[in-house]
């Protein structure tokens, strides 16, 4: 296979990998822990190497290979443009992984059967199947599940809220103080409807 023919295959492989990292950023963070930066570094390094490769092909045969560096820039721009829908699709998939646990927590909270540590405000906190929760007992069905992380500055909270999700009300501002290496975050409203009365918020670091 010639270099010119291998180039578009490598570019397609980079795009597929970069899309996968966005789709699976939360599971990747959970699995890789301290190595979670590696896939993102591979995305950046990969596009730089492809750009250098495209420029080399251009210099070798300008009339034939002039599209090579342009294709790299177009692929990077397309990935960036699709980053939000890809990320949201990945968050929806991650929600599906845990929905059965969330549903049981919500049902117990609404029925007054949820067990855990009671806070001074009357909320109940605990962990079920590895998923931490902060629930307000009663028919309002307000439960905050803490939290997903997809990177150093990518934090997400899932809420079950019968009053505000879905709907025009954008939820309740929630400030979480810094804990250890985790920075303080601020949630200013729901940004993604996950289905039913589940909504997700992107946290501001």
C-alpha atoms as a PDB file:
ATOM      1  CA  UNK A   1       0.000   0.000   0.000  1.00  0.00           C
ATOM      2  CA  UNK A   2       1.359   3.385  -0.967  1.00  0.00           C
ATOM      3  CA  UNK A   3       1.783   6.204   1.528  1.00  0.00           C
ATOM      4  CA  UNK A   4      -0.858   8.277  -0.227  1.00  0.00           C
ATOM      5  CA  UNK A   5      -3.409   5.472   0.125  1.00  0.00           C
ATOM      6  CA  UNK A   6      -2.510   4.735   3.754  1.00  0.00           C
ATOM      7  CA  UNK A   7      -2.997   8.374   4.747  1.00  0.00           C
ATOM      8  CA  UNK A   8      -6.827   8.526   4.480  1.00  0.00           C
ATOM      9  CA  UNK A   9      -7.108   5.216   6.349  1.00  0.00           C
ATOM     10  CA  UNK A  10      -4.989   6.613   9.181  1.00  0.00           C
ATOM     11  CA  UNK A  11      -7.089   9.775   9.214  1.00  0.00           C
ATOM     12  CA  UNK A  12     -10.307   7.750   9.412  1.00  0.00           C
ATOM     13  CA  UNK A  13      -8.811   5.685  12.248  1.00  0.00           C
ATOM     14  CA  UNK A  14      -7.902   8.831  14.165  1.00  0.00           C
ATOM     15  CA  UNK A  15     -11.411  10.229  13.752  1.00  0.00           C
ATOM     16  CA  UNK A  16     -13.005   6.972  14.936  1.00  0.00           C
ATOM     17  CA  UNK A  17     -10.737   6.860  17.991  1.00  0.00           C
ATOM     18  CA  UNK A  18     -11.379  10.507  18.847  1.00  0.00           C
ATOM     19  CA  UNK A  19     -15.140   9.987  18.556  1.00  0.00           C
ATOM     20  CA  UNK A  20     -14.922   6.892  20.778  1.00  0.00           C
ATOM     21  CA  UNK A  21     -13.056   8.824  23.490  1.00  0.00           C
ATOM     22  CA  UNK A  22     -15.874  11.377  23.637  1.00  0.00           C
ATOM     23  CA  UNK A  23     -18.556   8.691  23.677  1.00  0.00           C
ATOM     24  CA  UNK A  24     -16.847   6.736  26.456  1.00  0.00           C
ATOM     25  CA  UNK A  25     -15.142   9.518  28.433  1.00  0.00           C
ATOM     26  CA  UNK A  26     -16.834   8.609  31.744  1.00  0.00           C
ATOM     27  CA  UNK A  27     -16.088   4.835  31.621  1.00  0.00           C
ATOM     28  CA  UNK A  28     -12.573   5.632  30.387  1.00  0.00           C
ATOM     29  CA  UNK A  29     -12.006   7.855  33.413  1.00  0.00           C
ATOM     30  CA  UNK A  30     -13.360   5.148  35.745  1.00  0.00           C
ATOM     31  CA  UNK A  31     -11.132   2.450  34.228  1.00  0.00           C
ATOM     32  CA  UNK A  32      -7.911   4.392  33.648  1.00  0.00           C
ATOM     33  CA  UNK A  33      -8.049   6.522  36.820  1.00  0.00           C
ATOM     34  CA  UNK A  34      -4.718   8.385  36.890  1.00  0.00           C
ATOM     35  CA  UNK A  35      -4.045   7.534  33.227  1.00  0.00           C
ATOM     36  CA  UNK A  36      -7.212   9.207  31.939  1.00  0.00           C
ATOM     37  CA  UNK A  37      -5.221  11.934  30.175  1.00  0.00           C
ATOM     38  CA  UNK A  38      -3.556   9.422  27.848  1.00  0.00           C
ATOM     39  CA  UNK A  39      -6.457   9.094  25.334  1.00  0.00           C
ATOM     40  CA  UNK A  40      -6.811  12.883  25.096  1.00  0.00           C
ATOM     41  CA  UNK A  41      -3.066  13.267  24.567  1.00  0.00           C
ATOM     42  CA  UNK A  42      -3.275  10.624  21.830  1.00  0.00           C
ATOM     43  CA  UNK A  43      -5.992  12.652  20.083  1.00  0.00           C
ATOM     44  CA  UNK A  44      -3.855  15.805  20.066  1.00  0.00           C
ATOM     45  CA  UNK A  45      -0.631  13.999  19.171  1.00  0.00           C
ATOM     46  CA  UNK A  46      -2.423  12.029  16.461  1.00  0.00           C
ATOM     47  CA  UNK A  47      -3.814  15.055  14.677  1.00  0.00           C
ATOM     48  CA  UNK A  48      -0.434  16.811  14.813  1.00  0.00           C
ATOM     49  CA  UNK A  49       1.293  13.764  13.337  1.00  0.00           C
ATOM     50  CA  UNK A  50      -1.343  13.502  10.607  1.00  0.00           C
ATOM     51  CA  UNK A  51      -0.932  17.168   9.776  1.00  0.00           C
ATOM     52  CA  UNK A  52       2.834  16.742   9.514  1.00  0.00           C
ATOM     53  CA  UNK A  53       2.302  13.666   7.344  1.00  0.00           C
ATOM     54  CA  UNK A  54      -0.116  15.546   5.102  1.00  0.00           C
ATOM     55  CA  UNK A  55       2.342  18.423   4.682  1.00  0.00           C
ATOM     56  CA  UNK A  56       5.095  15.969   3.751  1.00  0.00           C
ATOM     57  CA  UNK A  57       2.861  14.388   1.113  1.00  0.00           C
ATOM     58  CA  UNK A  58       2.057  17.863  -0.178  1.00  0.00           C
ATOM     59  CA  UNK A  59       5.746  18.735  -0.524  1.00  0.00           C
ATOM     60  CA  UNK A  60       6.480  15.463  -2.302  1.00  0.00           C
ATOM     61  CA  UNK A  61       3.755  15.760  -4.946  1.00  0.00           C
ATOM     62  CA  UNK A  62       1.947  19.098  -4.652  1.00  0.00           C
ATOM     63  CA  UNK A  63      -0.472  18.598  -7.560  1.00  0.00           C
ATOM     64  CA  UNK A  64      -1.591  15.154  -6.432  1.00  0.00           C
ATOM     65  CA  UNK A  65      -1.456  15.406  -2.638  1.00  0.00           C
ATOM     66  CA  UNK A  66      -2.587  18.990  -1.997  1.00  0.00           C
ATOM     67  CA  UNK A  67      -5.828  17.845  -0.274  1.00  0.00           C
ATOM     68  CA  UNK A  68      -3.947  15.887   2.458  1.00  0.00           C
ATOM     69  CA  UNK A  69      -3.352  18.666   5.040  1.00  0.00           C
ATOM     70  CA  UNK A  70      -6.749  20.189   4.249  1.00  0.00           C
ATOM     71  CA  UNK A  71      -8.438  16.860   5.018  1.00  0.00           C
ATOM     72  CA  UNK A  72      -6.712  16.760   8.420  1.00  0.00           C
ATOM     73  CA  UNK A  73      -7.972  20.238   9.273  1.00  0.00           C
ATOM     74  CA  UNK A  74     -11.475  19.348   8.066  1.00  0.00           C
ATOM     75  CA  UNK A  75     -11.506  16.137  10.134  1.00  0.00           C
ATOM     76  CA  UNK A  76     -10.347  17.990  13.248  1.00  0.00           C
ATOM     77  CA  UNK A  77     -12.963  20.703  12.680  1.00  0.00           C
ATOM     78  CA  UNK A  78     -15.687  18.090  12.169  1.00  0.00           C
ATOM     79  CA  UNK A  79     -14.710  16.299  15.373  1.00  0.00           C
ATOM     80  CA  UNK A  80     -14.759  19.566  17.286  1.00  0.00           C
ATOM     81  CA  UNK A  81     -18.138  20.486  15.797  1.00  0.00           C
ATOM     82  CA  UNK A  82     -19.573  17.099  16.750  1.00  0.00           C
ATOM     83  CA  UNK A  83     -18.018  17.062  20.206  1.00  0.00           C
ATOM     84  CA  UNK A  84     -21.150  18.183  22.053  1.00  0.00           C
ATOM     85  CA  UNK A  85     -23.595  15.699  20.461  1.00  0.00           C
ATOM     86  CA  UNK A  86     -21.007  12.913  20.780  1.00  0.00           C
ATOM     87  CA  UNK A  87     -20.432  13.751  24.429  1.00  0.00           C
ATOM     88  CA  UNK A  88     -24.171  13.899  25.110  1.00  0.00           C
ATOM     89  CA  UNK A  89     -24.696  10.555  23.384  1.00  0.00           C
ATOM     90  CA  UNK A  90     -21.970   9.064  25.561  1.00  0.00           C
ATOM     91  CA  UNK A  91     -23.592  10.500  28.688  1.00  0.00           C
ATOM     92  CA  UNK A  92     -26.918   8.958  27.659  1.00  0.00           C
ATOM     93  CA  UNK A  93     -25.200   5.579  27.255  1.00  0.00           C
ATOM     94  CA  UNK A  94     -23.543   5.923  30.648  1.00  0.00           C
ATOM     95  CA  UNK A  95     -26.907   6.777  32.204  1.00  0.00           C
ATOM     96  CA  UNK A  96     -28.369   3.595  30.735  1.00  0.00           C
ATOM     97  CA  UNK A  97     -25.643   1.602  32.545  1.00  0.00           C
ATOM     98  CA  UNK A  98     -26.836   2.862  35.930  1.00  0.00           C
ATOM     99  CA  UNK A  99     -30.534   3.540  35.400  1.00  0.00           C
ATOM    100  CA  UNK A 100     -31.718   0.362  37.143  1.00  0.00           C
ATOM    101  CA  UNK A 101     -29.875   1.418  40.320  1.00  0.00           C
ATOM    102  CA  UNK A 102     -31.160   4.983  40.034  1.00  0.00           C
ATOM    103  CA  UNK A 103     -34.743   3.776  39.617  1.00  0.00           C
ATOM    104  CA  UNK A 104     -34.548   1.674  42.777  1.00  0.00           C
ATOM    105  CA  UNK A 105     -33.095   4.562  44.798  1.00  0.00           C
ATOM    106  CA  UNK A 106     -35.831   6.929  43.574  1.00  0.00           C
ATOM    107  CA  UNK A 107     -38.593   4.394  44.293  1.00  0.00           C
ATOM    108  CA  UNK A 108     -37.301   3.832  47.839  1.00  0.00           C
ATOM    109  CA  UNK A 109     -36.952   7.586  48.433  1.00  0.00           C
ATOM    110  CA  UNK A 110     -40.514   8.291  47.303  1.00  0.00           C
ATOM    111  CA  UNK A 111     -41.849   5.413  49.407  1.00  0.00           C
ATOM    112  CA  UNK A 112     -39.904   6.512  52.492  1.00  0.00           C
ATOM    113  CA  UNK A 113     -37.896   3.282  52.528  1.00  0.00           C
ATOM    114  CA  UNK A 114     -34.480   4.642  51.572  1.00  0.00           C
ATOM    115  CA  UNK A 115     -31.722   3.860  54.054  1.00  0.00           C
ATOM    116  CA  UNK A 116     -28.594   5.885  54.587  1.00  0.00           C
ATOM    117  CA  UNK A 117     -27.123   8.734  56.586  1.00  0.00           C
ATOM    118  CA  UNK A 118     -29.635  11.466  57.449  1.00  0.00           C
ATOM    119  CA  UNK A 119     -28.280  15.015  57.087  1.00  0.00           C
ATOM    120  CA  UNK A 120     -29.335  17.931  59.338  1.00  0.00           C
ATOM    121  CA  UNK A 121     -31.662  19.109  56.537  1.00  0.00           C
ATOM    122  CA  UNK A 122     -33.474  15.753  56.503  1.00  0.00           C
ATOM    123  CA  UNK A 123     -31.965  14.461  53.270  1.00  0.00           C
ATOM    124  CA  UNK A 124     -30.631  10.927  53.050  1.00  0.00           C
ATOM    125  CA  UNK A 125     -27.173  10.194  51.702  1.00  0.00           C
ATOM    126  CA  UNK A 126     -25.644   6.859  50.867  1.00  0.00           C
ATOM    127  CA  UNK A 127     -24.158   4.620  48.187  1.00  0.00           C
ATOM    128  CA  UNK A 128     -25.884   1.833  46.275  1.00  0.00           C
ATOM    129  CA  UNK A 129     -24.067  -0.326  43.718  1.00  0.00           C
ATOM    130  CA  UNK A 130     -21.228   2.180  43.684  1.00  0.00           C
ATOM    131  CA  UNK A 131     -23.545   5.124  42.948  1.00  0.00           C
ATOM    132  CA  UNK A 132     -23.633   7.850  45.612  1.00  0.00           C
ATOM    133  CA  UNK A 133     -26.921   9.668  46.169  1.00  0.00           C
ATOM    134  CA  UNK A 134     -28.415  12.611  48.049  1.00  0.00           C
ATOM    135  CA  UNK A 135     -32.175  12.170  48.283  1.00  0.00           C
ATOM    136  CA  UNK A 136     -35.001  14.304  49.671  1.00  0.00           C
ATOM    137  CA  UNK A 137     -37.677  11.839  50.829  1.00  0.00           C
ATOM    138  CA  UNK A 138     -41.205  12.462  49.567  1.00  0.00           C
ATOM    139  CA  UNK A 139     -43.313  12.605  46.417  1.00  0.00           C
ATOM    140  CA  UNK A 140     -41.216  15.344  44.758  1.00  0.00           C
ATOM    141  CA  UNK A 141     -38.712  12.664  43.853  1.00  0.00           C
ATOM    142  CA  UNK A 142     -35.652  14.930  44.170  1.00  0.00           C
ATOM    143  CA  UNK A 143     -32.500  12.806  44.147  1.00  0.00           C
ATOM    144  CA  UNK A 144     -29.037  13.976  43.238  1.00  0.00           C
ATOM    145  CA  UNK A 145     -26.633  11.283  42.116  1.00  0.00           C
ATOM    146  CA  UNK A 146     -23.015  12.314  42.569  1.00  0.00           C
ATOM    147  CA  UNK A 147     -21.130  12.352  40.298  1.00  0.00           C
ATOM    148  CA  UNK A 148     -19.652  11.347  36.958  1.00  0.00           C
ATOM    149  CA  UNK A 149     -16.257  12.553  35.848  1.00  0.00           C
ATOM    150  CA  UNK A 150     -14.943  12.451  32.303  1.00  0.00           C
ATOM    151  CA  UNK A 151     -11.704  14.378  32.760  1.00  0.00           C
ATOM    152  CA  UNK A 152      -9.932  16.980  34.872  1.00  0.00           C
ATOM    153  CA  UNK A 153     -12.580  19.614  34.118  1.00  0.00           C
ATOM    154  CA  UNK A 154     -15.500  17.426  33.072  1.00  0.00           C
ATOM    155  CA  UNK A 155     -17.917  16.838  35.942  1.00  0.00           C
ATOM    156  CA  UNK A 156     -21.558  15.803  35.596  1.00  0.00           C
ATOM    157  CA  UNK A 157     -24.377  15.300  38.087  1.00  0.00           C
ATOM    158  CA  UNK A 158     -27.576  13.360  37.425  1.00  0.00           C
ATOM    159  CA  UNK A 159     -30.800  14.496  39.083  1.00  0.00           C
ATOM    160  CA  UNK A 160     -34.229  12.935  39.401  1.00  0.00           C
ATOM    161  CA  UNK A 161     -36.626  15.831  39.830  1.00  0.00           C
ATOM    162  CA  UNK A 162     -40.377  15.485  39.224  1.00  0.00           C
ATOM    163  CA  UNK A 163     -40.985  19.226  39.589  1.00  0.00           C
ATOM    164  CA  UNK A 164     -38.345  20.633  37.257  1.00  0.00           C
ATOM    165  CA  UNK A 165     -37.257  17.879  34.869  1.00  0.00           C
ATOM    166  CA  UNK A 166     -38.232  18.076  32.116  1.00  0.00           C
ATOM    167  CA  UNK A 167     -39.676  21.553  31.899  1.00  0.00           C
ATOM    168  CA  UNK A 168     -38.861  25.232  31.671  1.00  0.00           C
ATOM    169  CA  UNK A 169     -37.489  25.388  35.206  1.00  0.00           C
ATOM    170  CA  UNK A 170     -33.761  24.808  34.842  1.00  0.00           C
ATOM    171  CA  UNK A 171     -33.250  23.222  38.233  1.00  0.00           C
ATOM    172  CA  UNK A 172     -31.658  24.379  41.443  1.00  0.00           C
ATOM    173  CA  UNK A 173     -28.206  25.970  41.736  1.00  0.00           C
ATOM    174  CA  UNK A 174     -25.995  23.592  43.705  1.00  0.00           C
ATOM    175  CA  UNK A 175     -22.526  24.464  45.023  1.00  0.00           C
ATOM    176  CA  UNK A 176     -20.185  21.650  45.998  1.00  0.00           C
ATOM    177  CA  UNK A 177     -17.079  22.641  47.995  1.00  0.00           C
ATOM    178  CA  UNK A 178     -13.623  21.358  47.149  1.00  0.00           C
ATOM    179  CA  UNK A 179     -12.784  17.920  48.545  1.00  0.00           C
ATOM    180  CA  UNK A 180      -9.171  16.762  48.421  1.00  0.00           C
ATOM    181  CA  UNK A 181      -7.928  17.008  44.835  1.00  0.00           C
ATOM    182  CA  UNK A 182     -11.458  17.576  43.516  1.00  0.00           C
ATOM    183  CA  UNK A 183     -12.107  21.283  42.806  1.00  0.00           C
ATOM    184  CA  UNK A 184     -15.201  23.150  43.931  1.00  0.00           C
ATOM    185  CA  UNK A 185     -18.005  23.040  41.367  1.00  0.00           C
ATOM    186  CA  UNK A 186     -21.191  24.962  40.660  1.00  0.00           C
ATOM    187  CA  UNK A 187     -24.295  23.601  38.948  1.00  0.00           C
ATOM    188  CA  UNK A 188     -26.493  26.339  37.507  1.00  0.00           C
ATOM    189  CA  UNK A 189     -29.175  24.246  35.843  1.00  0.00           C
ATOM    190  CA  UNK A 190     -30.097  21.172  33.856  1.00  0.00           C
ATOM    191  CA  UNK A 191     -28.369  20.888  30.497  1.00  0.00           C
ATOM    192  CA  UNK A 192     -29.450  17.461  29.202  1.00  0.00           C
ATOM    193  CA  UNK A 193     -32.731  15.565  29.559  1.00  0.00           C
ATOM    194  CA  UNK A 194     -31.940  11.870  30.005  1.00  0.00           C
ATOM    195  CA  UNK A 195     -35.526  10.616  29.923  1.00  0.00           C
ATOM    196  CA  UNK A 196     -38.438  10.548  32.333  1.00  0.00           C
ATOM    197  CA  UNK A 197     -37.671  12.900  35.222  1.00  0.00           C
ATOM    198  CA  UNK A 198     -33.912  12.424  34.948  1.00  0.00           C
ATOM    199  CA  UNK A 199     -31.766  15.393  33.944  1.00  0.00           C
ATOM    200  CA  UNK A 200     -28.037  15.972  33.838  1.00  0.00           C
ATOM    201  CA  UNK A 201     -26.099  19.104  34.585  1.00  0.00           C
ATOM    202  CA  UNK A 202     -22.592  20.026  33.458  1.00  0.00           C
ATOM    203  CA  UNK A 203     -20.735  21.312  36.493  1.00  0.00           C
ATOM    204  CA  UNK A 204     -18.681  24.496  36.342  1.00  0.00           C
ATOM    205  CA  UNK A 205     -15.259  24.120  37.934  1.00  0.00           C
END
